[in-house]
Amino acid sequence: MQDFLNYFETIPSSHRSLILVGGLTFFWLLESANPLFKFNYKKWQHAFPNIFFTLTTIIINFVLAFLLLKSADWVVLNNFGILNWLPDIPLWLYVVLGVLFMDFFGAYLPHFVEHKIKPLWMVHLVHHTDHYVDTTTANRHHPIESVIRFVFTLFGVFVIGAPMGIVMLYQSLSLVATQFTHANIKLPISIDRILSYVLVSPDMHKVHHHYVLPYTDSNYGNIFSVWDRLLGTYMYLDREKLVFGVDVFPNEVENGQINNLLKQPFQKYKKPTIINP
């Protein structure tokens, strides 16, 4: 286990790139072979803006990576944070708790906050205005959101006391998890439901992409479903009833253009529709 953690502490950039490209390719092929919805769209044309925002996220994280490294080194050196305050625990539990808490501070919490604070919601809308949710949607985040998520992750490092190995392991798992949950794949309903008791499943996350409230404000988790279930934000909706997008930005053509997506946080916003679940 220590060797495993050491690997992620110094994981080469080429290996991280392989996880990104390999995961994207795998789920792209899988959703093409076994789609949940047969979208009437040009897959490559749809993917272009999403891949553009994936690249902007990579650039932002690369530029700010030194802050993560310095922070992770500091908490270990100064014995700071939850993990460092726990009594001696098995290494496997140390790793599991580290990833679990990083998932809360790096994914669930910022996601929840983005839905509750209007200016942040306007930024996050770039992700929600995709009417054809597939694996490329996973990293469709406005550059401002990439910075916001980074700040929360940095905050999580201090609270948790996470070493760099935990941080890199979490980010690698998070990347694959979000590609998986956004992928337009059709798992057997029973398997998807069982999976959702521990991990965020594709059907569970796609409820979050349903176009109207209250479903849009549910299922914020990224890797683990426990946070939604514990904090009362879990919702279920039959997959046949799913409609992707956001009711306040219904035009997929305009919302698929990069220049419009970059300006989207600054557009006028009308009150969303709320339906009874």
C-alpha atoms as a PDB file:
ATOM      1  CA  MET A   1       0.000   0.000   0.000  1.00  0.00           C
ATOM      2  CA  GLN A   2       2.869   2.384   0.786  1.00  0.00           C
ATOM      3  CA  ASP A   3       4.403   1.752  -2.646  1.00  0.00           C
ATOM      4  CA  PHE A   4       0.984   2.453  -4.170  1.00  0.00           C
ATOM      5  CA  LEU A   5       0.782   5.783  -2.337  1.00  0.00           C
ATOM      6  CA  ASN A   6       4.363   6.634  -3.246  1.00  0.00           C
ATOM      7  CA  TYR A   7       3.565   6.098  -6.923  1.00  0.00           C
ATOM      8  CA  PHE A   8       0.764   8.678  -6.852  1.00  0.00           C
ATOM      9  CA  GLU A   9       2.902  11.089  -4.871  1.00  0.00           C
ATOM     10  CA  THR A  10       5.298  11.304  -7.823  1.00  0.00           C
ATOM     11  CA  ILE A  11       2.996  10.212 -10.646  1.00  0.00           C
ATOM     12  CA  PRO A  12       4.471  11.362 -13.988  1.00  0.00           C
ATOM     13  CA  SER A  13       2.480  13.828 -16.083  1.00  0.00           C
ATOM     14  CA  SER A  14       2.493  11.285 -18.911  1.00  0.00           C
ATOM     15  CA  HIS A  15       0.682   8.779 -16.677  1.00  0.00           C
ATOM     16  CA  ARG A  16      -1.912  11.377 -15.677  1.00  0.00           C
ATOM     17  CA  SER A  17      -2.419  12.183 -19.356  1.00  0.00           C
ATOM     18  CA  LEU A  18      -2.863   8.490 -20.067  1.00  0.00           C
ATOM     19  CA  ILE A  19      -5.586   8.262 -17.410  1.00  0.00           C
ATOM     20  CA  LEU A  20      -7.392  11.233 -18.968  1.00  0.00           C
ATOM     21  CA  VAL A  21      -7.123  10.152 -22.594  1.00  0.00           C
ATOM     22  CA  GLY A  22      -7.484   6.440 -21.860  1.00  0.00           C
ATOM     23  CA  GLY A  23     -10.606   6.929 -19.760  1.00  0.00           C
ATOM     24  CA  LEU A  24     -12.161   9.280 -22.278  1.00  0.00           C
ATOM     25  CA  THR A  25     -11.461   6.856 -25.131  1.00  0.00           C
ATOM     26  CA  PHE A  26     -12.744   3.834 -23.209  1.00  0.00           C
ATOM     27  CA  PHE A  27     -16.049   5.417 -22.202  1.00  0.00           C
ATOM     28  CA  TRP A  28     -16.444   7.032 -25.642  1.00  0.00           C
ATOM     29  CA  LEU A  29     -16.275   3.572 -27.240  1.00  0.00           C
ATOM     30  CA  LEU A  30     -18.468   2.014 -24.548  1.00  0.00           C
ATOM     31  CA  GLU A  31     -21.237   4.572 -24.898  1.00  0.00           C
ATOM     32  CA  SER A  32     -21.101   4.181 -28.671  1.00  0.00           C
ATOM     33  CA  ALA A  33     -21.594   0.417 -28.311  1.00  0.00           C
ATOM     34  CA  ASN A  34     -24.204   0.496 -25.530  1.00  0.00           C
ATOM     35  CA  PRO A  35     -25.853   3.944 -25.320  1.00  0.00           C
ATOM     36  CA  LEU A  36     -28.483   4.905 -22.770  1.00  0.00           C
ATOM     37  CA  PHE A  37     -29.946   7.446 -25.211  1.00  0.00           C
ATOM     38  CA  LYS A  38     -29.578   7.429 -28.980  1.00  0.00           C
ATOM     39  CA  PHE A  39     -28.789  11.103 -29.410  1.00  0.00           C
ATOM     40  CA  ASN A  40     -29.415  12.661 -32.794  1.00  0.00           C
ATOM     41  CA  TYR A  41     -26.209  14.667 -32.833  1.00  0.00           C
ATOM     42  CA  LYS A  42     -22.801  14.897 -34.432  1.00  0.00           C
ATOM     43  CA  LYS A  43     -20.635  13.343 -31.741  1.00  0.00           C
ATOM     44  CA  TRP A  44     -17.351  14.985 -32.699  1.00  0.00           C
ATOM     45  CA  GLN A  45     -18.971  18.396 -33.172  1.00  0.00           C
ATOM     46  CA  HIS A  46     -20.603  18.083 -29.762  1.00  0.00           C
ATOM     47  CA  ALA A  47     -17.309  17.004 -28.193  1.00  0.00           C
ATOM     48  CA  PHE A  48     -15.301  19.970 -29.478  1.00  0.00           C
ATOM     49  CA  PRO A  49     -16.349  22.634 -26.891  1.00  0.00           C
ATOM     50  CA  ASN A  50     -16.243  20.050 -24.108  1.00  0.00           C
ATOM     51  CA  ILE A  51     -12.689  19.065 -25.000  1.00  0.00           C
ATOM     52  CA  PHE A  52     -11.783  22.764 -25.216  1.00  0.00           C
ATOM     53  CA  PHE A  53     -12.907  23.239 -21.611  1.00  0.00           C
ATOM     54  CA  THR A  54     -11.084  20.075 -20.598  1.00  0.00           C
ATOM     55  CA  LEU A  55      -7.888  21.665 -21.927  1.00  0.00           C
ATOM     56  CA  THR A  56      -8.525  24.953 -20.090  1.00  0.00           C
ATOM     57  CA  THR A  57      -9.027  22.984 -16.864  1.00  0.00           C
ATOM     58  CA  ILE A  58      -5.747  21.122 -17.425  1.00  0.00           C
ATOM     59  CA  ILE A  59      -3.891  24.402 -18.018  1.00  0.00           C
ATOM     60  CA  ILE A  60      -5.318  26.063 -14.909  1.00  0.00           C
ATOM     61  CA  ASN A  61      -4.556  23.062 -12.712  1.00  0.00           C
ATOM     62  CA  PHE A  62      -1.028  22.850 -14.132  1.00  0.00           C
ATOM     63  CA  VAL A  63      -0.341  26.536 -13.481  1.00  0.00           C
ATOM     64  CA  LEU A  64      -1.633  26.300  -9.899  1.00  0.00           C
ATOM     65  CA  ALA A  65      -0.211  22.844  -9.118  1.00  0.00           C
ATOM     66  CA  PHE A  66       2.700  24.264  -7.115  1.00  0.00           C
ATOM     67  CA  LEU A  67       0.195  25.540  -4.527  1.00  0.00           C
ATOM     68  CA  LEU A  68      -1.151  22.024  -4.036  1.00  0.00           C
ATOM     69  CA  LEU A  69       2.349  20.616  -3.677  1.00  0.00           C
ATOM     70  CA  LYS A  70       3.464  23.271  -1.192  1.00  0.00           C
ATOM     71  CA  SER A  71       0.256  22.912   0.841  1.00  0.00           C
ATOM     72  CA  ALA A  72       0.383  19.103   0.956  1.00  0.00           C
ATOM     73  CA  ASP A  73       4.026  19.207   2.025  1.00  0.00           C
ATOM     74  CA  TRP A  74       3.244  21.813   4.704  1.00  0.00           C
ATOM     75  CA  VAL A  75       0.412  19.872   6.366  1.00  0.00           C
ATOM     76  CA  VAL A  76       2.576  16.749   6.570  1.00  0.00           C
ATOM     77  CA  LEU A  77       5.606  18.623   7.873  1.00  0.00           C
ATOM     78  CA  ASN A  78       3.527  20.446  10.501  1.00  0.00           C
ATOM     79  CA  ASN A  79       1.330  17.478  11.415  1.00  0.00           C
ATOM     80  CA  PHE A  80      -1.770  19.509  10.523  1.00  0.00           C
ATOM     81  CA  GLY A  81      -5.246  18.313   9.547  1.00  0.00           C
ATOM     82  CA  ILE A  82      -7.699  15.515  10.341  1.00  0.00           C
ATOM     83  CA  LEU A  83      -5.585  12.635   9.044  1.00  0.00           C
ATOM     84  CA  ASN A  84      -2.593  13.773  11.047  1.00  0.00           C
ATOM     85  CA  TRP A  85      -4.632  14.137  14.238  1.00  0.00           C
ATOM     86  CA  LEU A  86      -6.068  10.627  14.171  1.00  0.00           C
ATOM     87  CA  PRO A  87      -4.468   7.984  16.371  1.00  0.00           C
ATOM     88  CA  ASP A  88      -2.428   5.332  14.604  1.00  0.00           C
ATOM     89  CA  ILE A  89      -4.671   3.729  11.967  1.00  0.00           C
ATOM     90  CA  PRO A  90      -3.968   1.126   9.282  1.00  0.00           C
ATOM     91  CA  LEU A  91      -2.544   2.591   6.104  1.00  0.00           C
ATOM     92  CA  TRP A  92      -5.463   1.296   4.027  1.00  0.00           C
ATOM     93  CA  LEU A  93      -7.919   3.181   6.274  1.00  0.00           C
ATOM     94  CA  TYR A  94      -5.734   6.290   6.109  1.00  0.00           C
ATOM     95  CA  VAL A  95      -5.947   6.168   2.294  1.00  0.00           C
ATOM     96  CA  VAL A  96      -9.691   5.458   2.192  1.00  0.00           C
ATOM     97  CA  LEU A  97     -10.505   8.272   4.621  1.00  0.00           C
ATOM     98  CA  GLY A  98      -8.209  10.635   2.748  1.00  0.00           C
ATOM     99  CA  VAL A  99      -9.908  10.004  -0.598  1.00  0.00           C
ATOM    100  CA  LEU A 100     -13.371  10.067   1.009  1.00  0.00           C
ATOM    101  CA  PHE A 101     -12.789  13.455   2.639  1.00  0.00           C
ATOM    102  CA  MET A 102     -11.087  14.864  -0.468  1.00  0.00           C
ATOM    103  CA  ASP A 103     -14.187  13.865  -2.407  1.00  0.00           C
ATOM    104  CA  PHE A 104     -16.268  15.951  -0.011  1.00  0.00           C
ATOM    105  CA  PHE A 105     -14.112  19.083   0.010  1.00  0.00           C
ATOM    106  CA  GLY A 106     -12.932  18.855  -3.600  1.00  0.00           C
ATOM    107  CA  ALA A 107     -16.185  17.843  -5.273  1.00  0.00           C
ATOM    108  CA  TYR A 108     -19.368  17.658  -3.195  1.00  0.00           C
ATOM    109  CA  LEU A 109     -18.938  20.908  -1.250  1.00  0.00           C
ATOM    110  CA  PRO A 110     -17.993  23.200  -4.162  1.00  0.00           C
ATOM    111  CA  HIS A 111     -20.693  21.600  -6.290  1.00  0.00           C
ATOM    112  CA  PHE A 112     -23.315  22.239  -3.606  1.00  0.00           C
ATOM    113  CA  VAL A 113     -22.147  25.823  -3.096  1.00  0.00           C
ATOM    114  CA  GLU A 114     -22.183  26.508  -6.848  1.00  0.00           C
ATOM    115  CA  HIS A 115     -25.858  25.593  -6.948  1.00  0.00           C
ATOM    116  CA  LYS A 116     -26.750  27.823  -4.003  1.00  0.00           C
ATOM    117  CA  ILE A 117     -24.905  31.072  -4.767  1.00  0.00           C
ATOM    118  CA  LYS A 118     -26.217  32.809  -7.886  1.00  0.00           C
ATOM    119  CA  PRO A 119     -22.927  34.165  -9.348  1.00  0.00           C
ATOM    120  CA  LEU A 120     -21.313  30.740  -8.922  1.00  0.00           C
ATOM    121  CA  TRP A 121     -24.380  29.052 -10.404  1.00  0.00           C
ATOM    122  CA  MET A 122     -24.062  31.251 -13.469  1.00  0.00           C
ATOM    123  CA  VAL A 123     -20.497  29.984 -13.871  1.00  0.00           C
ATOM    124  CA  HIS A 124     -21.495  26.367 -13.276  1.00  0.00           C
ATOM    125  CA  LEU A 125     -24.297  26.624 -15.854  1.00  0.00           C
ATOM    126  CA  VAL A 126     -21.735  26.027 -18.582  1.00  0.00           C
ATOM    127  CA  HIS A 127     -21.645  22.435 -17.393  1.00  0.00           C
ATOM    128  CA  HIS A 128     -25.432  22.097 -17.205  1.00  0.00           C
ATOM    129  CA  THR A 129     -26.309  23.580 -20.588  1.00  0.00           C
ATOM    130  CA  ASP A 130     -25.105  20.453 -22.381  1.00  0.00           C
ATOM    131  CA  HIS A 131     -28.262  18.853 -23.806  1.00  0.00           C
ATOM    132  CA  TYR A 132     -26.424  15.682 -24.814  1.00  0.00           C
ATOM    133  CA  VAL A 133     -24.672  14.468 -21.692  1.00  0.00           C
ATOM    134  CA  ASP A 134     -21.915  12.025 -22.558  1.00  0.00           C
ATOM    135  CA  THR A 135     -18.415  11.273 -21.314  1.00  0.00           C
ATOM    136  CA  THR A 136     -17.004  14.472 -22.870  1.00  0.00           C
ATOM    137  CA  THR A 137     -19.374  16.490 -20.673  1.00  0.00           C
ATOM    138  CA  ALA A 138     -17.379  15.386 -17.626  1.00  0.00           C
ATOM    139  CA  ASN A 139     -14.872  18.254 -17.783  1.00  0.00           C
ATOM    140  CA  ARG A 140     -17.043  20.878 -19.448  1.00  0.00           C
ATOM    141  CA  HIS A 141     -16.300  23.575 -16.857  1.00  0.00           C
ATOM    142  CA  HIS A 142     -15.828  27.289 -17.374  1.00  0.00           C
ATOM    143  CA  PRO A 143     -12.265  28.404 -16.530  1.00  0.00           C
ATOM    144  CA  ILE A 144     -13.635  30.398 -13.591  1.00  0.00           C
ATOM    145  CA  GLU A 145     -15.171  27.213 -12.220  1.00  0.00           C
ATOM    146  CA  SER A 146     -11.860  25.410 -12.603  1.00  0.00           C
ATOM    147  CA  VAL A 147     -10.312  28.044 -10.338  1.00  0.00           C
ATOM    148  CA  ILE A 148     -13.195  27.775  -7.847  1.00  0.00           C
ATOM    149  CA  ARG A 149     -12.853  23.991  -7.667  1.00  0.00           C
ATOM    150  CA  PHE A 150      -9.100  24.321  -7.204  1.00  0.00           C
ATOM    151  CA  VAL A 151      -9.590  26.677  -4.251  1.00  0.00           C
ATOM    152  CA  PHE A 152     -11.933  24.200  -2.557  1.00  0.00           C
ATOM    153  CA  THR A 153      -9.480  21.366  -3.184  1.00  0.00           C
ATOM    154  CA  LEU A 154      -6.707  23.454  -1.647  1.00  0.00           C
ATOM    155  CA  PHE A 155      -8.919  24.161   1.355  1.00  0.00           C
ATOM    156  CA  GLY A 156      -9.585  20.434   1.649  1.00  0.00           C
ATOM    157  CA  VAL A 157      -5.860  19.669   1.741  1.00  0.00           C
ATOM    158  CA  PHE A 158      -5.470  21.862   4.828  1.00  0.00           C
ATOM    159  CA  VAL A 159      -8.576  20.594   6.630  1.00  0.00           C
ATOM    160  CA  ILE A 160      -7.820  16.939   5.889  1.00  0.00           C
ATOM    161  CA  GLY A 161      -4.051  17.138   6.189  1.00  0.00           C
ATOM    162  CA  ALA A 162      -3.742  15.257   2.912  1.00  0.00           C
ATOM    163  CA  PRO A 163      -0.277  14.384   1.595  1.00  0.00           C
ATOM    164  CA  MET A 164       0.424  14.714  -2.102  1.00  0.00           C
ATOM    165  CA  GLY A 165      -0.022  10.978  -2.673  1.00  0.00           C
ATOM    166  CA  ILE A 166      -3.631  11.168  -1.411  1.00  0.00           C
ATOM    167  CA  VAL A 167      -4.304  14.302  -3.465  1.00  0.00           C
ATOM    168  CA  MET A 168      -3.036  12.763  -6.699  1.00  0.00           C
ATOM    169  CA  LEU A 169      -4.819   9.469  -6.039  1.00  0.00           C
ATOM    170  CA  TYR A 170      -8.054  11.343  -5.416  1.00  0.00           C
ATOM    171  CA  GLN A 171      -7.712  13.448  -8.555  1.00  0.00           C
ATOM    172  CA  SER A 172      -7.001  10.364 -10.675  1.00  0.00           C
ATOM    173  CA  LEU A 173     -10.009   8.497  -9.275  1.00  0.00           C
ATOM    174  CA  SER A 174     -12.144  11.620  -9.578  1.00  0.00           C
ATOM    175  CA  LEU A 175     -11.258  11.990 -13.246  1.00  0.00           C
ATOM    176  CA  VAL A 176     -12.240   8.422 -14.111  1.00  0.00           C
ATOM    177  CA  ALA A 177     -15.363   8.611 -11.925  1.00  0.00           C
ATOM    178  CA  THR A 178     -16.679  11.732 -13.629  1.00  0.00           C
ATOM    179  CA  GLN A 179     -16.029  10.280 -17.087  1.00  0.00           C
ATOM    180  CA  PHE A 180     -17.925   7.166 -16.010  1.00  0.00           C
ATOM    181  CA  THR A 181     -20.929   8.928 -14.465  1.00  0.00           C
ATOM    182  CA  HIS A 182     -21.387  11.281 -17.426  1.00  0.00           C
ATOM    183  CA  ALA A 183     -20.934   8.566 -20.050  1.00  0.00           C
ATOM    184  CA  ASN A 184     -24.046   7.840 -22.095  1.00  0.00           C
ATOM    185  CA  ILE A 185     -23.983   4.169 -21.118  1.00  0.00           C
ATOM    186  CA  LYS A 186     -26.833   1.841 -20.289  1.00  0.00           C
ATOM    187  CA  LEU A 187     -26.088  -0.298 -17.268  1.00  0.00           C
ATOM    188  CA  PRO A 188     -28.695  -2.822 -16.092  1.00  0.00           C
ATOM    189  CA  ILE A 189     -30.981  -0.905 -13.731  1.00  0.00           C
ATOM    190  CA  SER A 190     -30.383  -3.341 -10.866  1.00  0.00           C
ATOM    191  CA  ILE A 191     -26.588  -2.988 -11.140  1.00  0.00           C
ATOM    192  CA  ASP A 192     -26.799   0.796 -11.347  1.00  0.00           C
ATOM    193  CA  ARG A 193     -29.009   0.943  -8.230  1.00  0.00           C
ATOM    194  CA  ILE A 194     -26.735  -1.378  -6.227  1.00  0.00           C
ATOM    195  CA  LEU A 195     -23.657   0.587  -7.302  1.00  0.00           C
ATOM    196  CA  SER A 196     -25.294   3.850  -6.224  1.00  0.00           C
ATOM    197  CA  TYR A 197     -25.386   2.750  -2.580  1.00  0.00           C
ATOM    198  CA  VAL A 198     -21.614   3.219  -2.409  1.00  0.00           C
ATOM    199  CA  LEU A 199     -20.461   5.042  -5.540  1.00  0.00           C
ATOM    200  CA  VAL A 200     -22.082   7.635  -7.770  1.00  0.00           C
ATOM    201  CA  SER A 201     -23.574   5.648 -10.650  1.00  0.00           C
ATOM    202  CA  PRO A 202     -24.315   6.930 -14.175  1.00  0.00           C
ATOM    203  CA  ASP A 203     -28.088   7.016 -13.615  1.00  0.00           C
ATOM    204  CA  MET A 204     -27.684   8.696 -10.239  1.00  0.00           C
ATOM    205  CA  HIS A 205     -25.592  11.515 -11.608  1.00  0.00           C
ATOM    206  CA  LYS A 206     -27.749  12.002 -14.680  1.00  0.00           C
ATOM    207  CA  VAL A 207     -30.653  12.898 -12.389  1.00  0.00           C
ATOM    208  CA  HIS A 208     -28.537  15.919 -11.488  1.00  0.00           C
ATOM    209  CA  HIS A 209     -28.514  16.879 -15.183  1.00  0.00           C
ATOM    210  CA  HIS A 210     -32.318  16.756 -15.472  1.00  0.00           C
ATOM    211  CA  TYR A 211     -33.419  20.110 -16.837  1.00  0.00           C
ATOM    212  CA  VAL A 212     -35.672  21.306 -13.993  1.00  0.00           C
ATOM    213  CA  LEU A 213     -35.629  21.699 -10.219  1.00  0.00           C
ATOM    214  CA  PRO A 214     -35.571  20.066  -7.734  1.00  0.00           C
ATOM    215  CA  TYR A 215     -33.639  17.356  -9.590  1.00  0.00           C
ATOM    216  CA  THR A 216     -30.956  19.779 -10.763  1.00  0.00           C
ATOM    217  CA  ASP A 217     -30.232  20.524  -7.107  1.00  0.00           C
ATOM    218  CA  SER A 218     -29.539  16.930  -6.117  1.00  0.00           C
ATOM    219  CA  ASN A 219     -26.888  14.208  -6.397  1.00  0.00           C
ATOM    220  CA  TYR A 220     -23.855  16.481  -6.114  1.00  0.00           C
ATOM    221  CA  GLY A 221     -21.368  13.693  -5.401  1.00  0.00           C
ATOM    222  CA  ASN A 222     -18.530  12.723  -7.673  1.00  0.00           C
ATOM    223  CA  ILE A 223     -16.982   9.463  -6.469  1.00  0.00           C
ATOM    224  CA  PHE A 224     -18.917   8.429  -3.362  1.00  0.00           C
ATOM    225  CA  SER A 225     -22.703   8.581  -2.996  1.00  0.00           C
ATOM    226  CA  VAL A 226     -22.457   8.641   0.806  1.00  0.00           C
ATOM    227  CA  TRP A 227     -22.355  12.436   1.001  1.00  0.00           C
ATOM    228  CA  ASP A 228     -25.647  12.853  -0.865  1.00  0.00           C
ATOM    229  CA  ARG A 229     -27.310  10.150   1.196  1.00  0.00           C
ATOM    230  CA  LEU A 230     -26.038  11.491   4.533  1.00  0.00           C
ATOM    231  CA  LEU A 231     -26.766  15.143   3.767  1.00  0.00           C
ATOM    232  CA  GLY A 232     -30.224  14.656   2.243  1.00  0.00           C
ATOM    233  CA  THR A 233     -29.414  15.668  -1.342  1.00  0.00           C
ATOM    234  CA  TYR A 234     -30.028  12.281  -2.940  1.00  0.00           C
ATOM    235  CA  MET A 235     -32.902  11.972  -5.428  1.00  0.00           C
ATOM    236  CA  TYR A 236     -34.058   9.261  -7.810  1.00  0.00           C
ATOM    237  CA  LEU A 237     -35.735   9.622 -11.191  1.00  0.00           C
ATOM    238  CA  ASP A 238     -36.505   6.946 -13.752  1.00  0.00           C
ATOM    239  CA  ARG A 239     -33.983   7.120 -16.570  1.00  0.00           C
ATOM    240  CA  GLU A 240     -36.814   7.226 -19.141  1.00  0.00           C
ATOM    241  CA  LYS A 241     -37.928  10.603 -17.750  1.00  0.00           C
ATOM    242  CA  LEU A 242     -34.544  12.294 -17.997  1.00  0.00           C
ATOM    243  CA  VAL A 243     -34.266  15.448 -20.098  1.00  0.00           C
ATOM    244  CA  PHE A 244     -30.845  17.069 -20.139  1.00  0.00           C
ATOM    245  CA  GLY A 245     -30.035  20.767 -20.128  1.00  0.00           C
ATOM    246  CA  VAL A 246     -31.419  23.690 -18.130  1.00  0.00           C
ATOM    247  CA  ASP A 247     -34.863  25.174 -18.682  1.00  0.00           C
ATOM    248  CA  VAL A 248     -33.544  28.757 -18.480  1.00  0.00           C
ATOM    249  CA  PHE A 249     -31.073  28.137 -21.344  1.00  0.00           C
ATOM    250  CA  PRO A 250     -33.021  25.884 -23.735  1.00  0.00           C
ATOM    251  CA  ASN A 251     -31.107  26.588 -26.953  1.00  0.00           C
ATOM    252  CA  GLU A 252     -28.516  23.839 -27.451  1.00  0.00           C
ATOM    253  CA  VAL A 253     -27.119  25.375 -30.667  1.00  0.00           C
ATOM    254  CA  GLU A 254     -26.158  28.653 -28.988  1.00  0.00           C
ATOM    255  CA  ASN A 255     -25.020  26.915 -25.824  1.00  0.00           C
ATOM    256  CA  GLY A 256     -22.722  24.659 -27.828  1.00  0.00           C
ATOM    257  CA  GLN A 257     -20.647  27.543 -29.144  1.00  0.00           C
ATOM    258  CA  ILE A 258     -17.459  28.234 -27.210  1.00  0.00           C
ATOM    259  CA  ASN A 259     -17.728  32.028 -27.336  1.00  0.00           C
ATOM    260  CA  ASN A 260     -21.268  31.893 -25.919  1.00  0.00           C
ATOM    261  CA  LEU A 261     -20.236  29.424 -23.236  1.00  0.00           C
ATOM    262  CA  LEU A 262     -17.368  31.686 -22.150  1.00  0.00           C
ATOM    263  CA  LYS A 263     -19.836  34.606 -21.849  1.00  0.00           C
ATOM    264  CA  GLN A 264     -22.565  32.540 -20.219  1.00  0.00           C
ATOM    265  CA  PRO A 265     -21.741  33.469 -16.591  1.00  0.00           C
ATOM    266  CA  PHE A 266     -22.420  37.109 -17.475  1.00  0.00           C
ATOM    267  CA  GLN A 267     -25.757  36.616 -19.230  1.00  0.00           C
ATOM    268  CA  LYS A 268     -29.130  37.586 -17.801  1.00  0.00           C
ATOM    269  CA  TYR A 269     -30.783  34.843 -15.821  1.00  0.00           C
ATOM    270  CA  LYS A 270     -34.471  34.134 -15.472  1.00  0.00           C
ATOM    271  CA  LYS A 271     -36.154  32.267 -12.642  1.00  0.00           C
ATOM    272  CA  PRO A 272     -36.080  28.473 -13.118  1.00  0.00           C
ATOM    273  CA  THR A 273     -39.113  26.229 -13.119  1.00  0.00           C
ATOM    274  CA  ILE A 274     -39.708  24.017 -10.101  1.00  0.00           C
ATOM    275  CA  ILE A 275     -41.781  20.863 -10.495  1.00  0.00           C
ATOM    276  CA  ASN A 276     -43.129  18.495  -7.885  1.00  0.00           C
ATOM    277  CA  PRO A 277     -41.085  15.258  -7.846  1.00  0.00           C
END
